[in-house]
Structure formats: C-alpha cells, structure tokens
Amino acid sequence: MESFLVSAATGALKSVLVKLAAMAAGEGQMRSKGLRRQIRHLADELAAMHAFLLKMSDSEEDHDVQDKAWMKEVRELSYDIEDSLDEFMLRIGDESVNPDGLIDKCKNLVTKTKARYRIPRLIEEFKAQIRVVGERNARYRSGESISLRTTNVTVDQRALTIFQDVSSPVGIDEPKKELVDLLMNDYGNMASKQPRVISIVGVRGLGKTTIANQIFEQLKEQFDC
C-alpha cells in the first residue's frame, strides 16, 4: 500500500490528498463548513502540484537544475505534511486509548479537543509553506514561468476506500506487530528484564514516529514507568 501512495516522482502527495479527503468527509470531527472548505482548498492546491510533478516526471525532456531542486522541495514538503497529518489523526482517533480513571479520561478528552482546535492553524501552516515554495521557485526562475495556481483538479471521494480506518496510517499493522513481538519476547523472564532498544529506520514520510507512538500507547500499561 505504501508503494502505491508514495512514489519517487510525487513523494507522499497522493497519500496526503487521500487523507485530506478523509478529513473533509469526516462528520464527527469536521462539522464546520468553513473548515471543510479550507481543507478542500488545500487539497486542490496540492492536487495541482501533484499533477504538475506527474507531468514533469513523464516528460522526456531533461529537466534543468532549478526544476529538479523545486521538485525535490515539493516532495520534501509532502513528507512533512503527511507526518503532521498522521500525528493529528493519531491524537484524535486512537481508539486503543481507553483511560480508566476520571482524571485520565479528562486528560484524554482535553488532548483530543486541543488537537481538533489546532486544525485551522495546521491548515494555514501548510498553505503558507506551499506559498513559500511556489514564490521561491517563481522568484529565481528565468524564462518560462511555472504557475502553481489551483486547477480544477478534484479529489476523488472513492479514494477513501483505500483506508479502512482514516485515523490510522496505512500499512503499519504488520510492522507494528513485528516490533511489538520483538519488544515483548520473553517478557516476564527475570533474566530478560534488561532495557531493550529497537531502531525504526526508513525514509521520510513512512510514519516512523507514528508507529513508535502507537506501540508506546499499546504497551505502556504493562510497564511501571
């Protein structure tokens, strides 16, 4: 699934578009029409960039240094946006967190409420980053200019079927299970109760921080810390 959503040509833009579409379609979390409009506007902007990168990657022409630098910058931006979206979705949609006490339940509710209220600011931050990338490219470009104006590219709502649960990042169940098995192997054996460190390595945009957070939430109750 990751290989389908993340590519060398467009970075994590396709994955980001699907997740933004899921956010805009969410009834429980996105009740504000204004907020949905903001999300769709951001998705349209990113969809235009995604289409442009695909066009550039399919072109048989040899791209100049500036084009290559700009394309790389857009891909890096897509990874940053996806990491932020994954973290947000984890905070508001982690059903595995079931606090028992009243205080813990209140803390959990406050955390999720704060995350939801941060959405408008998060969207504005993404839009500002996109503007910076576009303006920098236009400022130093000579000759034919490249426009990043929004085109009539829409996000296909059918793409939401890619996600069984939009609150969870895609394709991490199996690697998460493997990591949990490694951490909990021989747990309970006194001889094995030594600190155990497992490194999660990979390129940006694959959800390394997200999977580590989910493992922590799943196992934290089993340890006295």
Protein backbone atom coordinates (compact mmCIF):
# COMPACT_ATOMS: atom_id res chain seq x y z
CA MET A 1 0.00 0.00 0.00
CA GLU A 2 2.82 2.43 0.84
CA SER A 3 4.41 1.89 -2.57
CA PHE A 4 1.07 2.79 -4.12
CA LEU A 5 0.73 6.06 -2.20
CA VAL A 6 4.38 7.15 -2.05
CA SER A 7 6.46 7.44 -5.21
CA ALA A 8 9.82 8.83 -6.24
CA ALA A 9 8.10 11.24 -8.62
CA THR A 10 5.46 12.77 -6.35
CA GLY A 11 6.63 11.94 -2.83
CA ALA A 12 3.73 11.49 -0.40
CA LEU A 13 1.37 13.89 -2.21
CA LYS A 14 -1.10 11.16 -3.20
CA SER A 15 -1.25 9.84 0.35
CA VAL A 16 -1.73 13.39 1.67
CA LEU A 17 -4.59 14.01 -0.79
CA VAL A 18 -6.41 10.87 0.33
CA LYS A 19 -6.04 11.78 4.00
CA LEU A 20 -7.22 15.36 3.41
CA ALA A 21 -10.25 14.00 1.54
CA ALA A 22 -10.98 11.74 4.50
CA MET A 23 -10.69 14.68 6.90
CA ALA A 24 -13.04 16.82 4.79
CA ALA A 25 -15.58 13.98 4.61
CA GLY A 26 -15.47 13.23 8.34
CA GLU A 27 -18.75 14.10 10.01
CA GLY A 28 -17.82 13.76 13.65
CA GLN A 29 -14.58 15.72 13.59
CA MET A 30 -15.16 18.30 10.84
CA ARG A 31 -18.54 19.91 11.50
CA SER A 32 -17.50 23.39 10.39
CA LYS A 33 -18.28 24.11 6.73
CA GLY A 34 -15.60 26.79 6.75
CA LEU A 35 -13.01 24.28 7.94
CA ARG A 36 -14.04 21.75 5.31
CA ARG A 37 -13.73 24.49 2.70
CA GLN A 38 -10.19 25.25 3.92
CA ILE A 39 -9.23 21.58 3.73
CA ARG A 40 -10.63 21.23 0.22
CA HIS A 41 -8.82 24.39 -0.90
CA LEU A 42 -5.55 22.97 0.43
CA ALA A 43 -6.28 19.64 -1.27
CA ASP A 44 -6.92 21.40 -4.59
CA GLU A 45 -3.60 23.24 -4.32
CA LEU A 46 -1.72 20.03 -3.56
CA ALA A 47 -3.59 18.19 -6.32
CA ALA A 48 -2.36 20.80 -8.81
CA MET A 49 1.20 20.29 -7.59
CA HIS A 50 0.75 16.52 -7.78
CA ALA A 51 -0.47 16.77 -11.38
CA PHE A 52 2.42 19.05 -12.27
CA LEU A 53 5.00 16.68 -10.79
CA LEU A 54 3.48 13.78 -12.71
CA LYS A 55 3.65 15.80 -15.91
CA MET A 56 7.28 16.71 -15.24
CA SER A 57 8.23 13.12 -14.42
CA ASP A 58 6.55 11.81 -17.59
CA SER A 59 8.30 14.37 -19.78
CA GLU A 60 11.12 13.02 -21.93
CA GLU A 61 12.98 16.33 -21.67
CA ASP A 62 15.98 16.60 -19.39
CA HIS A 63 14.97 18.95 -16.57
CA ASP A 64 17.28 21.75 -15.56
CA VAL A 65 18.86 22.06 -12.12
CA GLN A 66 16.21 24.50 -10.91
CA ASP A 67 13.34 22.24 -11.92
CA LYS A 68 14.94 19.29 -10.13
CA ALA A 69 15.54 21.37 -6.99
CA TRP A 70 11.94 22.59 -6.96
CA MET A 71 10.53 19.09 -7.50
CA LYS A 72 12.65 17.80 -4.62
CA GLU A 73 11.44 20.63 -2.39
CA VAL A 74 7.80 19.81 -3.16
CA ARG A 75 8.36 16.14 -2.34
CA GLU A 76 10.04 17.04 0.96
CA LEU A 77 7.09 19.30 1.77
CA SER A 78 4.69 16.42 1.10
CA TYR A 79 6.53 14.23 3.62
CA ASP A 80 6.36 16.98 6.27
CA ILE A 81 2.64 17.46 5.70
CA GLU A 82 1.96 13.72 5.87
CA ASP A 83 3.89 13.39 9.14
CA SER A 84 1.80 16.22 10.65
CA LEU A 85 -1.45 14.68 9.41
CA ASP A 86 -0.53 11.24 10.78
CA GLU A 87 0.28 12.74 14.18
CA PHE A 88 -3.02 14.65 14.21
CA MET A 89 -5.06 11.59 13.20
CA LEU A 90 -3.36 9.54 15.89
CA ARG A 91 -4.20 12.11 18.56
CA ILE A 92 -7.90 12.40 17.74
CA GLY A 93 -8.68 8.90 16.55
CA ASP A 94 -6.71 6.42 18.65
CA GLU A 95 -9.47 4.15 19.92
CA SER A 96 -6.93 1.93 21.69
CA VAL A 97 -6.51 4.59 24.37
CA ASN A 98 -9.20 3.79 26.97
CA PRO A 99 -8.32 5.57 30.23
CA ASP A 100 -9.96 4.10 33.33
CA GLY A 101 -9.90 6.89 35.89
CA LEU A 102 -11.89 10.13 35.67
CA ILE A 103 -8.74 12.25 35.66
CA ASP A 104 -7.18 10.19 32.87
CA LYS A 105 -10.40 10.39 30.85
CA CYS A 106 -10.47 14.16 31.27
CA LYS A 107 -6.84 14.43 30.20
CA ASN A 108 -7.53 12.30 27.14
CA LEU A 109 -10.56 14.43 26.23
CA VAL A 110 -8.56 17.65 26.63
CA THR A 111 -5.75 16.28 24.44
CA LYS A 112 -8.15 15.36 21.63
CA THR A 113 -10.03 18.66 21.91
CA LYS A 114 -6.80 20.64 21.67
CA ALA A 115 -5.80 18.63 18.62
CA ARG A 116 -9.11 19.38 16.89
CA TYR A 117 -8.87 23.11 17.60
CA ARG A 118 -5.38 23.11 16.11
CA ILE A 119 -6.65 22.02 12.67
CA PRO A 120 -7.29 25.54 11.26
CA ARG A 121 -3.82 26.69 12.29
CA LEU A 122 -2.31 23.50 10.87
CA ILE A 123 -4.07 24.07 7.53
CA GLU A 124 -2.83 27.68 7.42
CA GLU A 125 0.72 26.50 8.14
CA PHE A 126 0.52 24.07 5.21
CA LYS A 127 -0.81 26.78 2.90
CA ALA A 128 1.95 29.16 3.98
CA GLN A 129 4.61 26.53 3.28
CA ILE A 130 3.14 25.93 -0.18
CA ARG A 131 3.20 29.67 -0.91
CA VAL A 132 6.84 29.90 0.15
CA VAL A 133 7.81 27.01 -2.13
CA GLY A 134 5.90 28.47 -5.08
CA GLU A 135 7.16 32.02 -4.60
CA ARG A 136 10.77 30.91 -4.24
CA ASN A 137 10.56 28.95 -7.47
CA ALA A 138 8.98 31.89 -9.33
CA ARG A 139 11.44 34.41 -7.86
CA TYR A 140 14.55 32.69 -9.15
CA ARG A 141 13.17 31.30 -12.38
CA SER A 142 14.28 32.82 -15.64
CA GLY A 143 12.48 32.28 -18.91
CA GLU A 144 9.19 30.41 -18.91
CA SER A 145 7.37 30.71 -15.60
CA ILE A 146 5.60 27.86 -13.89
CA SER A 147 2.23 28.59 -12.34
CA LEU A 148 1.08 26.86 -9.18
CA ARG A 149 -2.39 28.33 -9.34
CA THR A 150 -5.11 25.95 -8.37
CA THR A 151 -6.55 23.97 -11.24
CA ASN A 152 -9.88 22.20 -11.40
CA VAL A 153 -8.41 19.01 -10.02
CA THR A 154 -10.72 17.35 -7.54
CA VAL A 155 -10.06 14.65 -5.01
CA ASP A 156 -11.99 11.50 -5.87
CA GLN A 157 -14.02 10.62 -2.79
CA ARG A 158 -13.89 6.96 -3.86
CA ALA A 159 -10.24 7.04 -2.91
CA LEU A 160 -11.38 6.96 0.70
CA THR A 161 -11.93 3.22 0.35
CA ILE A 162 -8.16 2.88 0.42
CA PHE A 163 -8.36 3.46 4.18
CA GLN A 164 -10.27 1.08 6.40
CA ASP A 165 -9.71 3.47 9.29
CA VAL A 166 -8.67 7.02 8.41
CA SER A 167 -7.45 7.60 11.96
CA SER A 168 -4.64 5.10 11.42
CA PRO A 169 -1.77 5.45 8.95
CA VAL A 170 -1.74 2.99 6.08
CA GLY A 171 0.22 -0.25 6.05
CA ILE A 172 1.70 -0.24 9.55
CA ASP A 173 -0.20 -3.12 11.19
CA GLU A 174 2.28 -5.83 10.17
CA PRO A 175 5.50 -3.93 11.01
CA LYS A 176 3.91 -2.77 14.29
CA LYS A 177 3.12 -6.40 15.22
CA GLU A 178 6.71 -7.43 14.43
CA LEU A 179 8.12 -4.66 16.62
CA VAL A 180 5.74 -5.49 19.49
CA ASP A 181 6.79 -9.16 19.27
CA LEU A 182 10.45 -8.14 19.43
CA LEU A 183 9.86 -5.91 22.44
CA MET A 184 7.71 -8.40 24.35
CA ASN A 185 9.66 -11.58 23.52
CA ASP A 186 10.46 -13.38 26.79
CA TYR A 187 8.78 -10.59 28.79
CA GLY A 188 8.26 -11.87 32.31
CA ASN A 189 11.51 -13.80 32.40
CA MET A 190 13.67 -12.12 35.08
CA ALA A 191 16.84 -12.84 33.12
CA SER A 192 15.47 -10.94 30.16
CA LYS A 193 14.32 -7.82 32.04
CA GLN A 194 17.00 -5.61 30.61
CA PRO A 195 16.49 -2.40 28.61
CA ARG A 196 15.81 -3.30 25.01
CA VAL A 197 16.33 -0.83 22.16
CA ILE A 198 14.88 -1.28 18.68
CA SER A 199 15.66 1.21 15.92
CA ILE A 200 13.00 2.15 13.35
CA VAL A 201 14.79 3.20 10.17
CA GLY A 202 13.39 4.42 6.86
CA VAL A 203 12.96 7.35 4.51
CA ARG A 204 10.85 10.36 5.45
CA GLY A 205 7.09 10.08 5.15
CA LEU A 206 6.73 6.41 6.08
CA GLY A 207 5.28 7.13 9.54
CA LYS A 208 8.20 6.07 11.76
CA THR A 209 7.20 8.45 14.57
CA THR A 210 3.57 7.42 14.26
CA ILE A 211 4.27 3.69 14.55
CA ALA A 212 6.53 4.31 17.58
CA ASN A 213 3.75 6.32 19.27
CA GLN A 214 1.18 3.61 18.59
CA ILE A 215 3.44 0.93 20.04
CA PHE A 216 4.01 3.09 23.12
CA GLU A 217 0.26 3.59 23.63
CA GLN A 218 -0.33 -0.15 23.22
CA LEU A 219 2.34 -1.31 25.67
CA LYS A 220 2.73 1.48 28.23
CA GLU A 221 0.24 -0.01 30.72
CA GLN A 222 2.37 -3.17 31.01
CA PHE A 223 5.36 -1.32 32.44
CA ASP A 224 5.90 0.51 35.71
CA CYS A 225 7.12 3.83 34.39
